[in-house]
Amino acid sequence: MIREKVKVSARTLQWKCVESRVDSKRLYYGRFILSPLRKGQADTIGIAMRRILLGEIEGTCITRAKSEKIPHEYSTIVGIQESIHEILMNLKEIVLKSNLYGTRDASICFKGPGYVTAQDIILPPSVEIVDNTQHIANLTEPINLCIELQIERKRGYRIKTLNNIQDGSYTIDAVFMPVRNANHSIHSYVNGNEKQEILFLEIWTNGSLTPKEALYEASRNLIDLFIPFLHAEEENLNFENNQHKVTLPLFTFHDRLLKDKLRKNKKEIALKSIFIDQLELSPRIYNCLKKSNIHTLLELLNKSQEDLMKIEHFRVEDVKNILNILQIEKHFA
């Protein structure tokens, strides 16, 4: 466990990790401060960060299991100590870590007797198990247990449907949230004649990412939500005449970022603040860029056509697609 004394800056707004510990492979804890803040700012930031931490960060989990030998979810199989329902609940608790997008397949093929644990899951290369010791089933006889699994990466949670597919496939309650809990508290103090605040953020994660990583991801997602307002077109709207209908333009990057009146440093700051999530990219192009650690528009514009073609599974048509979206071919010369 790491703890540090809290030192409050009287001028520049700063954040710091004041406590960090690992309680288990599936429970990480971090405590952070942000200061100095004016009265009311701490509560505004704390509420927003807590909601983003719990609802907007993506996680990976098992969402479906399939076995032709399973007649129904609440059945039992001779030679397996747990019922099928208990096995599905154990699969629900498996904590996975990945950067995948979309759906991937995994499987379990185990011959008893013995204990089936998370380490017996055969995973695709992009997925890791946080705790290999997590229990799945206990085979008491020399029988084979073969289960096909489906893995997804999303956000929030999804309750399983009541109507299961009749081919032995069963949905599993999916809790994608990697942040188990998040709290915020406020400490007020007087600095001269001004009342200021310190925001304390506490974050617990399931081990698939650290609290610091969760804080970074939540901050980026929160900023991402406000970017359209920063670059909104200023229009002189005439509301006196109701016959003139006003259509708001779609948010595009090139119209606002590439005007000559923008200075170079100001342009780079804007580009750093825009993430490729906001571009109308196809899921495959988006996934390829993400896997190559290209997250912002500035990082994308700094890549040449040759650099992009070196990305795995990237094609010439993909480069042309990006150019058509951005309409700024000169940056890829």
C-alpha atoms as a PDB file:
ATOM      1  CA  MET A   1       0.000   0.000   0.000  1.00  0.00           C
ATOM      2  CA  ILE A   2       1.232   3.468  -0.897  1.00  0.00           C
ATOM      3  CA  ARG A   3       0.259   6.604   1.028  1.00  0.00           C
ATOM      4  CA  GLU A   4       1.406  10.155   0.652  1.00  0.00           C
ATOM      5  CA  LYS A   5       0.848  13.271   2.708  1.00  0.00           C
ATOM      6  CA  VAL A   6      -1.661  15.677   1.210  1.00  0.00           C
ATOM      7  CA  LYS A   7      -0.071  18.945   0.136  1.00  0.00           C
ATOM      8  CA  VAL A   8      -2.425  21.543  -1.267  1.00  0.00           C
ATOM      9  CA  SER A   9      -1.184  23.981  -3.888  1.00  0.00           C
ATOM     10  CA  ALA A  10      -2.349  27.532  -3.298  1.00  0.00           C
ATOM     11  CA  ARG A  11      -2.230  28.481  -6.983  1.00  0.00           C
ATOM     12  CA  THR A  12      -2.262  25.875  -9.745  1.00  0.00           C
ATOM     13  CA  LEU A  13      -5.029  23.300  -9.983  1.00  0.00           C
ATOM     14  CA  GLN A  14      -3.399  19.892  -9.488  1.00  0.00           C
ATOM     15  CA  TRP A  15      -4.360  16.280  -8.886  1.00  0.00           C
ATOM     16  CA  LYS A  16      -2.439  13.632  -7.004  1.00  0.00           C
ATOM     17  CA  CYS A  17      -2.750  10.017  -5.882  1.00  0.00           C
ATOM     18  CA  VAL A  18      -2.515   9.996  -2.087  1.00  0.00           C
ATOM     19  CA  GLU A  19      -3.258   6.310  -1.473  1.00  0.00           C
ATOM     20  CA  SER A  20      -2.965   3.163  -3.589  1.00  0.00           C
ATOM     21  CA  ARG A  21      -3.279  -0.484  -2.633  1.00  0.00           C
ATOM     22  CA  VAL A  22      -4.035  -3.928  -4.041  1.00  0.00           C
ATOM     23  CA  ASP A  23      -6.374  -5.855  -1.745  1.00  0.00           C
ATOM     24  CA  SER A  24      -6.532  -8.849  -4.093  1.00  0.00           C
ATOM     25  CA  LYS A  25      -6.178  -9.709  -7.768  1.00  0.00           C
ATOM     26  CA  ARG A  26      -9.759  -8.560  -8.267  1.00  0.00           C
ATOM     27  CA  LEU A  27      -9.851  -5.554  -5.976  1.00  0.00           C
ATOM     28  CA  TYR A  28      -7.712  -2.438  -6.471  1.00  0.00           C
ATOM     29  CA  TYR A  29      -8.128   0.789  -4.518  1.00  0.00           C
ATOM     30  CA  GLY A  30      -6.978   4.328  -5.202  1.00  0.00           C
ATOM     31  CA  ARG A  31      -7.574   7.691  -3.524  1.00  0.00           C
ATOM     32  CA  PHE A  32      -6.983  10.930  -5.387  1.00  0.00           C
ATOM     33  CA  ILE A  33      -7.242  14.646  -4.660  1.00  0.00           C
ATOM     34  CA  LEU A  34      -7.886  17.638  -6.878  1.00  0.00           C
ATOM     35  CA  SER A  35      -7.212  21.146  -5.555  1.00  0.00           C
ATOM     36  CA  PRO A  36      -7.559  24.044  -5.105  1.00  0.00           C
ATOM     37  CA  LEU A  37     -11.166  24.468  -6.250  1.00  0.00           C
ATOM     38  CA  ARG A  38     -13.590  27.301  -5.737  1.00  0.00           C
ATOM     39  CA  LYS A  39     -16.719  26.763  -3.693  1.00  0.00           C
ATOM     40  CA  GLY A  40     -19.133  24.445  -5.502  1.00  0.00           C
ATOM     41  CA  GLN A  41     -16.666  23.160  -8.086  1.00  0.00           C
ATOM     42  CA  ALA A  42     -15.688  20.046  -6.122  1.00  0.00           C
ATOM     43  CA  ASP A  43     -19.258  18.769  -5.949  1.00  0.00           C
ATOM     44  CA  THR A  44     -19.809  19.454  -9.660  1.00  0.00           C
ATOM     45  CA  ILE A  45     -16.689  17.521 -10.673  1.00  0.00           C
ATOM     46  CA  GLY A  46     -17.206  14.757  -8.116  1.00  0.00           C
ATOM     47  CA  ILE A  47     -20.759  13.926  -9.213  1.00  0.00           C
ATOM     48  CA  ALA A  48     -19.825  13.936 -12.900  1.00  0.00           C
ATOM     49  CA  MET A  49     -16.708  11.790 -12.389  1.00  0.00           C
ATOM     50  CA  ARG A  50     -18.572   9.224 -10.295  1.00  0.00           C
ATOM     51  CA  ARG A  51     -21.243   8.784 -12.963  1.00  0.00           C
ATOM     52  CA  ILE A  52     -18.662   8.458 -15.724  1.00  0.00           C
ATOM     53  CA  LEU A  53     -16.549   6.020 -13.697  1.00  0.00           C
ATOM     54  CA  LEU A  54     -19.515   3.739 -13.025  1.00  0.00           C
ATOM     55  CA  GLY A  55     -21.326   4.028 -16.336  1.00  0.00           C
ATOM     56  CA  GLU A  56     -19.026   5.002 -19.196  1.00  0.00           C
ATOM     57  CA  ILE A  57     -15.853   2.914 -18.839  1.00  0.00           C
ATOM     58  CA  GLU A  58     -15.779  -0.208 -20.986  1.00  0.00           C
ATOM     59  CA  GLY A  59     -15.073  -3.682 -19.669  1.00  0.00           C
ATOM     60  CA  THR A  60     -14.875  -7.251 -20.973  1.00  0.00           C
ATOM     61  CA  CYS A  61     -16.810 -10.271 -19.773  1.00  0.00           C
ATOM     62  CA  ILE A  62     -18.377 -13.564 -20.820  1.00  0.00           C
ATOM     63  CA  THR A  63     -21.875 -13.037 -22.204  1.00  0.00           C
ATOM     64  CA  ARG A  64     -22.913 -16.458 -23.500  1.00  0.00           C
ATOM     65  CA  ALA A  65     -22.188 -20.147 -22.918  1.00  0.00           C
ATOM     66  CA  LYS A  66     -23.115 -23.055 -25.148  1.00  0.00           C
ATOM     67  CA  SER A  67     -23.013 -26.812 -24.720  1.00  0.00           C
ATOM     68  CA  GLU A  68     -25.080 -29.377 -26.609  1.00  0.00           C
ATOM     69  CA  LYS A  69     -25.181 -31.663 -23.553  1.00  0.00           C
ATOM     70  CA  ILE A  70     -27.104 -29.122 -21.453  1.00  0.00           C
ATOM     71  CA  PRO A  71     -30.883 -29.768 -21.586  1.00  0.00           C
ATOM     72  CA  HIS A  72     -31.780 -26.581 -19.677  1.00  0.00           C
ATOM     73  CA  GLU A  73     -30.174 -23.995 -17.396  1.00  0.00           C
ATOM     74  CA  TYR A  74     -31.304 -25.558 -14.130  1.00  0.00           C
ATOM     75  CA  SER A  75     -30.309 -29.113 -14.981  1.00  0.00           C
ATOM     76  CA  THR A  76     -27.541 -31.155 -13.399  1.00  0.00           C
ATOM     77  CA  ILE A  77     -25.004 -33.453 -15.013  1.00  0.00           C
ATOM     78  CA  VAL A  78     -23.769 -36.638 -13.404  1.00  0.00           C
ATOM     79  CA  GLY A  79     -20.137 -36.224 -12.472  1.00  0.00           C
ATOM     80  CA  ILE A  80     -20.306 -32.425 -11.999  1.00  0.00           C
ATOM     81  CA  GLN A  81     -20.792 -31.132  -8.484  1.00  0.00           C
ATOM     82  CA  GLU A  82     -22.349 -27.817  -9.531  1.00  0.00           C
ATOM     83  CA  SER A  83     -25.603 -27.344 -11.395  1.00  0.00           C
ATOM     84  CA  ILE A  84     -25.533 -25.672 -14.803  1.00  0.00           C
ATOM     85  CA  HIS A  85     -26.955 -22.520 -13.236  1.00  0.00           C
ATOM     86  CA  GLU A  86     -24.084 -22.392 -10.724  1.00  0.00           C
ATOM     87  CA  ILE A  87     -21.529 -22.851 -13.527  1.00  0.00           C
ATOM     88  CA  LEU A  88     -23.088 -19.959 -15.438  1.00  0.00           C
ATOM     89  CA  MET A  89     -22.931 -17.784 -12.318  1.00  0.00           C
ATOM     90  CA  ASN A  90     -19.253 -18.695 -11.890  1.00  0.00           C
ATOM     91  CA  LEU A  91     -18.572 -17.757 -15.503  1.00  0.00           C
ATOM     92  CA  LYS A  92     -20.285 -14.421 -14.893  1.00  0.00           C
ATOM     93  CA  GLU A  93     -17.740 -13.621 -12.157  1.00  0.00           C
ATOM     94  CA  ILE A  94     -14.682 -14.252 -14.354  1.00  0.00           C
ATOM     95  CA  VAL A  95     -12.734 -10.984 -14.706  1.00  0.00           C
ATOM     96  CA  LEU A  96     -11.195 -10.413 -18.132  1.00  0.00           C
ATOM     97  CA  LYS A  97      -8.897  -7.747 -19.501  1.00  0.00           C
ATOM     98  CA  SER A  98      -8.709  -6.847 -23.187  1.00  0.00           C
ATOM     99  CA  ASN A  99      -8.645  -4.116 -25.811  1.00  0.00           C
ATOM    100  CA  LEU A 100     -10.889  -6.011 -28.197  1.00  0.00           C
ATOM    101  CA  TYR A 101     -13.952  -4.532 -29.871  1.00  0.00           C
ATOM    102  CA  GLY A 102     -16.883  -6.617 -30.933  1.00  0.00           C
ATOM    103  CA  THR A 103     -17.456 -10.272 -30.122  1.00  0.00           C
ATOM    104  CA  ARG A 104     -14.846 -12.994 -29.684  1.00  0.00           C
ATOM    105  CA  ASP A 105     -15.086 -16.743 -29.117  1.00  0.00           C
ATOM    106  CA  ALA A 106     -13.506 -18.761 -26.315  1.00  0.00           C
ATOM    107  CA  SER A 107     -13.958 -22.291 -24.985  1.00  0.00           C
ATOM    108  CA  ILE A 108     -13.428 -24.741 -22.142  1.00  0.00           C
ATOM    109  CA  CYS A 109     -12.425 -28.358 -22.786  1.00  0.00           C
ATOM    110  CA  PHE A 110     -11.637 -30.191 -19.568  1.00  0.00           C
ATOM    111  CA  LYS A 111     -11.477 -33.899 -18.738  1.00  0.00           C
ATOM    112  CA  GLY A 112     -12.262 -34.863 -15.155  1.00  0.00           C
ATOM    113  CA  PRO A 113     -11.869 -35.563 -12.417  1.00  0.00           C
ATOM    114  CA  GLY A 114     -10.551 -32.210 -11.227  1.00  0.00           C
ATOM    115  CA  TYR A 115     -11.325 -28.567 -10.612  1.00  0.00           C
ATOM    116  CA  VAL A 116     -12.103 -26.355 -13.596  1.00  0.00           C
ATOM    117  CA  THR A 117     -10.770 -22.839 -13.046  1.00  0.00           C
ATOM    118  CA  ALA A 118     -10.366 -19.686 -15.108  1.00  0.00           C
ATOM    119  CA  GLN A 119      -6.950 -20.824 -16.342  1.00  0.00           C
ATOM    120  CA  ASP A 120      -8.676 -23.635 -18.267  1.00  0.00           C
ATOM    121  CA  ILE A 121     -10.465 -21.150 -20.529  1.00  0.00           C
ATOM    122  CA  ILE A 122      -8.966 -21.065 -24.027  1.00  0.00           C
ATOM    123  CA  LEU A 123      -8.963 -17.367 -24.927  1.00  0.00           C
ATOM    124  CA  PRO A 124      -8.252 -15.369 -28.104  1.00  0.00           C
ATOM    125  CA  PRO A 125      -4.856 -13.587 -28.118  1.00  0.00           C
ATOM    126  CA  SER A 126      -6.340 -10.179 -27.274  1.00  0.00           C
ATOM    127  CA  VAL A 127      -7.918 -11.294 -23.984  1.00  0.00           C
ATOM    128  CA  GLU A 128      -6.298 -11.931 -20.597  1.00  0.00           C
ATOM    129  CA  ILE A 129      -7.596 -13.420 -17.354  1.00  0.00           C
ATOM    130  CA  VAL A 130      -7.052 -11.282 -14.261  1.00  0.00           C
ATOM    131  CA  ASP A 131      -7.346 -14.124 -11.716  1.00  0.00           C
ATOM    132  CA  ASN A 132      -6.596 -17.639 -12.998  1.00  0.00           C
ATOM    133  CA  THR A 133      -7.752 -19.222  -9.735  1.00  0.00           C
ATOM    134  CA  GLN A 134     -11.411 -18.300 -10.109  1.00  0.00           C
ATOM    135  CA  HIS A 135     -13.515 -21.444  -9.688  1.00  0.00           C
ATOM    136  CA  ILE A 136     -15.863 -22.661 -12.422  1.00  0.00           C
ATOM    137  CA  ALA A 137     -16.767 -26.292 -11.690  1.00  0.00           C
ATOM    138  CA  ASN A 138     -15.716 -29.474  -9.883  1.00  0.00           C
ATOM    139  CA  LEU A 139     -15.697 -32.656 -11.967  1.00  0.00           C
ATOM    140  CA  THR A 140     -15.933 -35.681  -9.662  1.00  0.00           C
ATOM    141  CA  GLU A 141     -15.832 -38.329 -12.404  1.00  0.00           C
ATOM    142  CA  PRO A 142     -13.764 -38.901 -15.586  1.00  0.00           C
ATOM    143  CA  ILE A 143     -16.117 -37.049 -17.916  1.00  0.00           C
ATOM    144  CA  ASN A 144     -15.523 -34.316 -20.497  1.00  0.00           C
ATOM    145  CA  LEU A 145     -16.794 -30.784 -19.981  1.00  0.00           C
ATOM    146  CA  CYS A 146     -16.862 -28.781 -23.224  1.00  0.00           C
ATOM    147  CA  ILE A 147     -18.382 -25.306 -23.274  1.00  0.00           C
ATOM    148  CA  GLU A 148     -18.228 -22.695 -26.035  1.00  0.00           C
ATOM    149  CA  LEU A 149     -18.059 -19.134 -24.751  1.00  0.00           C
ATOM    150  CA  GLN A 150     -18.771 -15.716 -26.194  1.00  0.00           C
ATOM    151  CA  ILE A 151     -16.805 -12.664 -24.990  1.00  0.00           C
ATOM    152  CA  GLU A 152     -17.759  -9.031 -25.504  1.00  0.00           C
ATOM    153  CA  ARG A 153     -16.411  -5.625 -24.551  1.00  0.00           C
ATOM    154  CA  LYS A 154     -19.003  -2.959 -23.762  1.00  0.00           C
ATOM    155  CA  ARG A 155     -20.065  -0.572 -21.014  1.00  0.00           C
ATOM    156  CA  GLY A 156     -22.695  -0.726 -18.274  1.00  0.00           C
ATOM    157  CA  TYR A 157     -24.528  -3.993 -17.745  1.00  0.00           C
ATOM    158  CA  ARG A 158     -26.947  -6.219 -19.624  1.00  0.00           C
ATOM    159  CA  ILE A 159     -29.550  -8.498 -18.085  1.00  0.00           C
ATOM    160  CA  LYS A 160     -29.900 -11.869 -19.759  1.00  0.00           C
ATOM    161  CA  THR A 161     -33.009 -12.600 -21.769  1.00  0.00           C
ATOM    162  CA  LEU A 162     -35.487 -15.183 -20.555  1.00  0.00           C
ATOM    163  CA  ASN A 163     -35.778 -16.874 -23.940  1.00  0.00           C
ATOM    164  CA  ASN A 164     -32.663 -18.974 -24.416  1.00  0.00           C
ATOM    165  CA  ILE A 165     -31.715 -20.373 -27.779  1.00  0.00           C
ATOM    166  CA  GLN A 166     -32.713 -24.015 -28.120  1.00  0.00           C
ATOM    167  CA  ASP A 167     -29.318 -25.212 -29.289  1.00  0.00           C
ATOM    168  CA  GLY A 168     -27.888 -25.277 -25.763  1.00  0.00           C
ATOM    169  CA  SER A 169     -26.817 -21.643 -25.809  1.00  0.00           C
ATOM    170  CA  TYR A 170     -27.487 -19.549 -22.723  1.00  0.00           C
ATOM    171  CA  THR A 171     -27.017 -15.830 -22.149  1.00  0.00           C
ATOM    172  CA  ILE A 172     -25.232 -14.673 -19.015  1.00  0.00           C
ATOM    173  CA  ASP A 173     -25.866 -11.503 -17.022  1.00  0.00           C
ATOM    174  CA  ALA A 174     -23.107  -9.209 -18.272  1.00  0.00           C
ATOM    175  CA  VAL A 175     -21.581  -6.670 -15.900  1.00  0.00           C
ATOM    176  CA  PHE A 176     -19.087  -4.839 -18.085  1.00  0.00           C
ATOM    177  CA  MET A 177     -18.241  -2.168 -15.484  1.00  0.00           C
ATOM    178  CA  PRO A 178     -14.594  -2.500 -14.361  1.00  0.00           C
ATOM    179  CA  VAL A 179     -15.133   0.076 -11.591  1.00  0.00           C
ATOM    180  CA  ARG A 180     -16.787  -1.607  -8.631  1.00  0.00           C
ATOM    181  CA  ASN A 181     -17.425   1.562  -6.672  1.00  0.00           C
ATOM    182  CA  ALA A 182     -16.556   5.251  -6.679  1.00  0.00           C
ATOM    183  CA  ASN A 183     -17.054   7.868  -3.978  1.00  0.00           C
ATOM    184  CA  HIS A 184     -16.229  11.521  -3.646  1.00  0.00           C
ATOM    185  CA  SER A 185     -15.891  13.770  -0.618  1.00  0.00           C
ATOM    186  CA  ILE A 186     -15.109  17.444  -0.123  1.00  0.00           C
ATOM    187  CA  HIS A 187     -12.849  19.255   2.329  1.00  0.00           C
ATOM    188  CA  SER A 188     -13.370  23.014   2.645  1.00  0.00           C
ATOM    189  CA  TYR A 189     -10.797  25.468   3.942  1.00  0.00           C
ATOM    190  CA  VAL A 190     -10.155  29.197   3.978  1.00  0.00           C
ATOM    191  CA  ASN A 191      -7.282  30.623   1.951  1.00  0.00           C
ATOM    192  CA  GLY A 192      -6.991  34.282   2.841  1.00  0.00           C
ATOM    193  CA  ASN A 193     -10.411  35.806   2.217  1.00  0.00           C
ATOM    194  CA  GLU A 194     -11.468  33.077  -0.190  1.00  0.00           C
ATOM    195  CA  LYS A 195     -13.149  29.781   0.667  1.00  0.00           C
ATOM    196  CA  GLN A 196     -11.660  26.893  -1.317  1.00  0.00           C
ATOM    197  CA  GLU A 197     -12.250  23.150  -1.580  1.00  0.00           C
ATOM    198  CA  ILE A 198     -10.335  19.908  -2.019  1.00  0.00           C
ATOM    199  CA  LEU A 199     -12.006  17.078  -3.918  1.00  0.00           C
ATOM    200  CA  PHE A 200     -11.246  13.521  -2.748  1.00  0.00           C
ATOM    201  CA  LEU A 201     -12.022  10.692  -5.175  1.00  0.00           C
ATOM    202  CA  GLU A 202     -12.023   7.030  -4.096  1.00  0.00           C
ATOM    203  CA  ILE A 203     -12.044   4.348  -6.785  1.00  0.00           C
ATOM    204  CA  TRP A 204     -12.309   0.556  -6.483  1.00  0.00           C
ATOM    205  CA  THR A 205     -11.729  -1.562  -9.597  1.00  0.00           C
ATOM    206  CA  ASN A 206     -11.985  -5.285 -10.401  1.00  0.00           C
ATOM    207  CA  GLY A 207      -8.314  -5.571 -11.368  1.00  0.00           C
ATOM    208  CA  SER A 208      -8.791  -5.331 -15.123  1.00  0.00           C
ATOM    209  CA  LEU A 209      -7.461  -1.785 -14.834  1.00  0.00           C
ATOM    210  CA  THR A 210      -5.953   0.281 -12.043  1.00  0.00           C
ATOM    211  CA  PRO A 211      -7.835   3.145 -10.347  1.00  0.00           C
ATOM    212  CA  LYS A 212      -5.408   5.571 -11.995  1.00  0.00           C
ATOM    213  CA  GLU A 213      -6.209   4.127 -15.429  1.00  0.00           C
ATOM    214  CA  ALA A 214      -9.918   4.320 -14.619  1.00  0.00           C
ATOM    215  CA  LEU A 215      -9.542   7.975 -13.609  1.00  0.00           C
ATOM    216  CA  TYR A 216      -7.743   8.756 -16.872  1.00  0.00           C
ATOM    217  CA  GLU A 217     -10.347   6.942 -18.966  1.00  0.00           C
ATOM    218  CA  ALA A 218     -13.240   8.633 -17.171  1.00  0.00           C
ATOM    219  CA  SER A 219     -11.650  12.067 -17.586  1.00  0.00           C
ATOM    220  CA  ARG A 220     -11.152  11.486 -21.291  1.00  0.00           C
ATOM    221  CA  ASN A 221     -14.738  10.324 -21.727  1.00  0.00           C
ATOM    222  CA  LEU A 222     -16.064  13.325 -19.825  1.00  0.00           C
ATOM    223  CA  ILE A 223     -14.046  15.755 -21.946  1.00  0.00           C
ATOM    224  CA  ASP A 224     -15.213  13.917 -25.059  1.00  0.00           C
ATOM    225  CA  LEU A 225     -18.839  14.676 -24.205  1.00  0.00           C
ATOM    226  CA  PHE A 226     -18.248  18.434 -24.179  1.00  0.00           C
ATOM    227  CA  ILE A 227     -16.158  18.723 -27.353  1.00  0.00           C
ATOM    228  CA  PRO A 228     -19.180  19.372 -29.629  1.00  0.00           C
ATOM    229  CA  PHE A 229     -20.013  22.461 -27.567  1.00  0.00           C
ATOM    230  CA  LEU A 230     -16.465  23.790 -27.884  1.00  0.00           C
ATOM    231  CA  HIS A 231     -16.591  23.669 -31.678  1.00  0.00           C
ATOM    232  CA  ALA A 232     -20.231  24.486 -32.276  1.00  0.00           C
ATOM    233  CA  GLU A 233     -20.917  26.798 -35.203  1.00  0.00           C
ATOM    234  CA  GLU A 234     -22.086  30.284 -34.264  1.00  0.00           C
ATOM    235  CA  GLU A 235     -25.123  31.018 -36.349  1.00  0.00           C
ATOM    236  CA  ASN A 236     -27.216  34.183 -36.517  1.00  0.00           C
ATOM    237  CA  LEU A 237     -30.617  32.574 -36.154  1.00  0.00           C
ATOM    238  CA  ASN A 238     -33.760  34.557 -36.921  1.00  0.00           C
ATOM    239  CA  PHE A 239     -36.486  33.286 -34.636  1.00  0.00           C
ATOM    240  CA  GLU A 240     -38.959  36.034 -35.506  1.00  0.00           C
ATOM    241  CA  ASN A 241     -40.047  34.376 -38.724  1.00  0.00           C
ATOM    242  CA  ASN A 242     -41.289  30.844 -38.034  1.00  0.00           C
ATOM    243  CA  GLN A 243     -41.379  30.081 -41.749  1.00  0.00           C
ATOM    244  CA  HIS A 244     -37.590  29.778 -41.840  1.00  0.00           C
ATOM    245  CA  LYS A 245     -36.644  26.370 -40.527  1.00  0.00           C
ATOM    246  CA  VAL A 246     -33.178  26.068 -39.027  1.00  0.00           C
ATOM    247  CA  THR A 247     -31.169  22.883 -39.536  1.00  0.00           C
ATOM    248  CA  LEU A 248     -28.176  22.556 -37.240  1.00  0.00           C
ATOM    249  CA  PRO A 249     -25.063  21.350 -39.106  1.00  0.00           C
ATOM    250  CA  LEU A 250     -23.483  18.068 -38.191  1.00  0.00           C
ATOM    251  CA  PHE A 251     -20.366  18.388 -36.100  1.00  0.00           C
ATOM    252  CA  THR A 252     -17.371  18.108 -38.393  1.00  0.00           C
ATOM    253  CA  PHE A 253     -13.711  18.567 -37.665  1.00  0.00           C
ATOM    254  CA  HIS A 254     -12.233  20.022 -40.808  1.00  0.00           C
ATOM    255  CA  ASP A 255     -14.568  23.042 -40.981  1.00  0.00           C
ATOM    256  CA  ARG A 256     -13.386  24.377 -37.645  1.00  0.00           C
ATOM    257  CA  LEU A 257      -9.855  23.120 -37.202  1.00  0.00           C
ATOM    258  CA  LEU A 258      -8.235  24.055 -40.489  1.00  0.00           C
ATOM    259  CA  LYS A 259      -9.091  27.716 -40.836  1.00  0.00           C
ATOM    260  CA  ASP A 260      -6.169  30.016 -41.453  1.00  0.00           C
ATOM    261  CA  LYS A 261      -7.039  32.283 -38.557  1.00  0.00           C
ATOM    262  CA  LEU A 262      -6.182  29.537 -36.063  1.00  0.00           C
ATOM    263  CA  ARG A 263      -2.645  29.681 -34.813  1.00  0.00           C
ATOM    264  CA  LYS A 264      -0.516  26.542 -34.947  1.00  0.00           C
ATOM    265  CA  ASN A 265      -0.338  25.968 -31.207  1.00  0.00           C
ATOM    266  CA  LYS A 266      -4.040  26.605 -30.780  1.00  0.00           C
ATOM    267  CA  LYS A 267      -4.784  24.167 -33.600  1.00  0.00           C
ATOM    268  CA  GLU A 268      -2.666  21.436 -31.992  1.00  0.00           C
ATOM    269  CA  ILE A 269      -4.441  21.861 -28.668  1.00  0.00           C
ATOM    270  CA  ALA A 270      -7.788  21.430 -30.393  1.00  0.00           C
ATOM    271  CA  LEU A 271      -6.584  18.363 -32.278  1.00  0.00           C
ATOM    272  CA  LYS A 272      -5.329  16.764 -29.065  1.00  0.00           C
ATOM    273  CA  SER A 273      -8.768  17.238 -27.547  1.00  0.00           C
ATOM    274  CA  ILE A 274     -10.580  15.390 -30.322  1.00  0.00           C
ATOM    275  CA  PHE A 275     -10.644  11.601 -30.253  1.00  0.00           C
ATOM    276  CA  ILE A 276     -11.133   9.313 -33.220  1.00  0.00           C
ATOM    277  CA  ASP A 277     -14.296   8.030 -31.532  1.00  0.00           C
ATOM    278  CA  GLN A 278     -16.033  11.100 -32.957  1.00  0.00           C
ATOM    279  CA  LEU A 279     -15.046  10.405 -36.557  1.00  0.00           C
ATOM    280  CA  GLU A 280     -17.501   8.421 -38.650  1.00  0.00           C
ATOM    281  CA  LEU A 281     -15.101   5.521 -39.048  1.00  0.00           C
ATOM    282  CA  SER A 282     -16.151   1.967 -39.700  1.00  0.00           C
ATOM    283  CA  PRO A 283     -15.766  -0.379 -36.711  1.00  0.00           C
ATOM    284  CA  ARG A 284     -12.896  -2.248 -38.400  1.00  0.00           C
ATOM    285  CA  ILE A 285     -10.880   0.929 -39.150  1.00  0.00           C
ATOM    286  CA  TYR A 286     -11.594   2.238 -35.662  1.00  0.00           C
ATOM    287  CA  ASN A 287     -10.372  -0.983 -34.041  1.00  0.00           C
ATOM    288  CA  CYS A 288      -7.186  -1.026 -36.142  1.00  0.00           C
ATOM    289  CA  LEU A 289      -6.340   2.562 -35.157  1.00  0.00           C
ATOM    290  CA  LYS A 290      -7.046   1.880 -31.488  1.00  0.00           C
ATOM    291  CA  LYS A 291      -4.792  -1.177 -31.464  1.00  0.00           C
ATOM    292  CA  SER A 292      -2.024   0.967 -32.964  1.00  0.00           C
ATOM    293  CA  ASN A 293      -2.380   3.479 -30.086  1.00  0.00           C
ATOM    294  CA  ILE A 294      -3.914   6.160 -32.313  1.00  0.00           C
ATOM    295  CA  HIS A 295      -6.504   7.789 -30.077  1.00  0.00           C
ATOM    296  CA  THR A 296      -6.669  11.477 -31.038  1.00  0.00           C
ATOM    297  CA  LEU A 297      -7.121  13.355 -34.278  1.00  0.00           C
ATOM    298  CA  LEU A 298      -3.653  14.880 -33.880  1.00  0.00           C
ATOM    299  CA  GLU A 299      -2.071  11.419 -33.662  1.00  0.00           C
ATOM    300  CA  LEU A 300      -3.949  10.371 -36.781  1.00  0.00           C
ATOM    301  CA  LEU A 301      -2.914  13.454 -38.769  1.00  0.00           C
ATOM    302  CA  ASN A 302       0.737  12.909 -37.837  1.00  0.00           C
ATOM    303  CA  LYS A 303       0.681   9.538 -39.624  1.00  0.00           C
ATOM    304  CA  SER A 304       1.598   9.284 -43.281  1.00  0.00           C
ATOM    305  CA  GLN A 305      -0.064   6.956 -45.757  1.00  0.00           C
ATOM    306  CA  GLU A 306       2.936   4.643 -45.425  1.00  0.00           C
ATOM    307  CA  ASP A 307       2.538   4.590 -41.643  1.00  0.00           C
ATOM    308  CA  LEU A 308      -1.122   3.685 -41.910  1.00  0.00           C
ATOM    309  CA  MET A 309      -0.468   0.931 -44.428  1.00  0.00           C
ATOM    310  CA  LYS A 310       1.900  -0.691 -41.921  1.00  0.00           C
ATOM    311  CA  ILE A 311      -0.997  -1.221 -39.516  1.00  0.00           C
ATOM    312  CA  GLU A 312      -2.121  -4.834 -39.368  1.00  0.00           C
ATOM    313  CA  HIS A 313      -5.206  -5.575 -41.525  1.00  0.00           C
ATOM    314  CA  PHE A 314      -5.166  -2.021 -42.940  1.00  0.00           C
ATOM    315  CA  ARG A 315      -5.922  -1.582 -46.652  1.00  0.00           C
ATOM    316  CA  VAL A 316      -5.589   1.140 -49.267  1.00  0.00           C
ATOM    317  CA  GLU A 317      -9.366   1.575 -49.236  1.00  0.00           C
ATOM    318  CA  ASP A 318      -9.189   2.312 -45.520  1.00  0.00           C
ATOM    319  CA  VAL A 319      -6.730   5.169 -46.077  1.00  0.00           C
ATOM    320  CA  LYS A 320      -8.958   6.594 -48.793  1.00  0.00           C
ATOM    321  CA  ASN A 321     -11.930   6.313 -46.470  1.00  0.00           C
ATOM    322  CA  ILE A 322     -10.135   8.327 -43.806  1.00  0.00           C
ATOM    323  CA  LEU A 323      -9.120  10.970 -46.323  1.00  0.00           C
ATOM    324  CA  ASN A 324     -12.690  11.287 -47.563  1.00  0.00           C
ATOM    325  CA  ILE A 325     -13.970  11.731 -44.014  1.00  0.00           C
ATOM    326  CA  LEU A 326     -11.454  14.364 -43.041  1.00  0.00           C
ATOM    327  CA  GLN A 327     -11.111  16.008 -46.482  1.00  0.00           C
ATOM    328  CA  ILE A 328      -7.569  17.077 -45.614  1.00  0.00           C
ATOM    329  CA  GLU A 329      -5.345  15.016 -47.907  1.00  0.00           C
ATOM    330  CA  LYS A 330      -2.469  17.486 -47.548  1.00  0.00           C
ATOM    331  CA  HIS A 331      -1.785  16.318 -44.017  1.00  0.00           C
ATOM    332  CA  PHE A 332      -0.993  12.822 -45.304  1.00  0.00           C
ATOM    333  CA  ALA A 333       1.579  13.875 -47.873  1.00  0.00           C
END
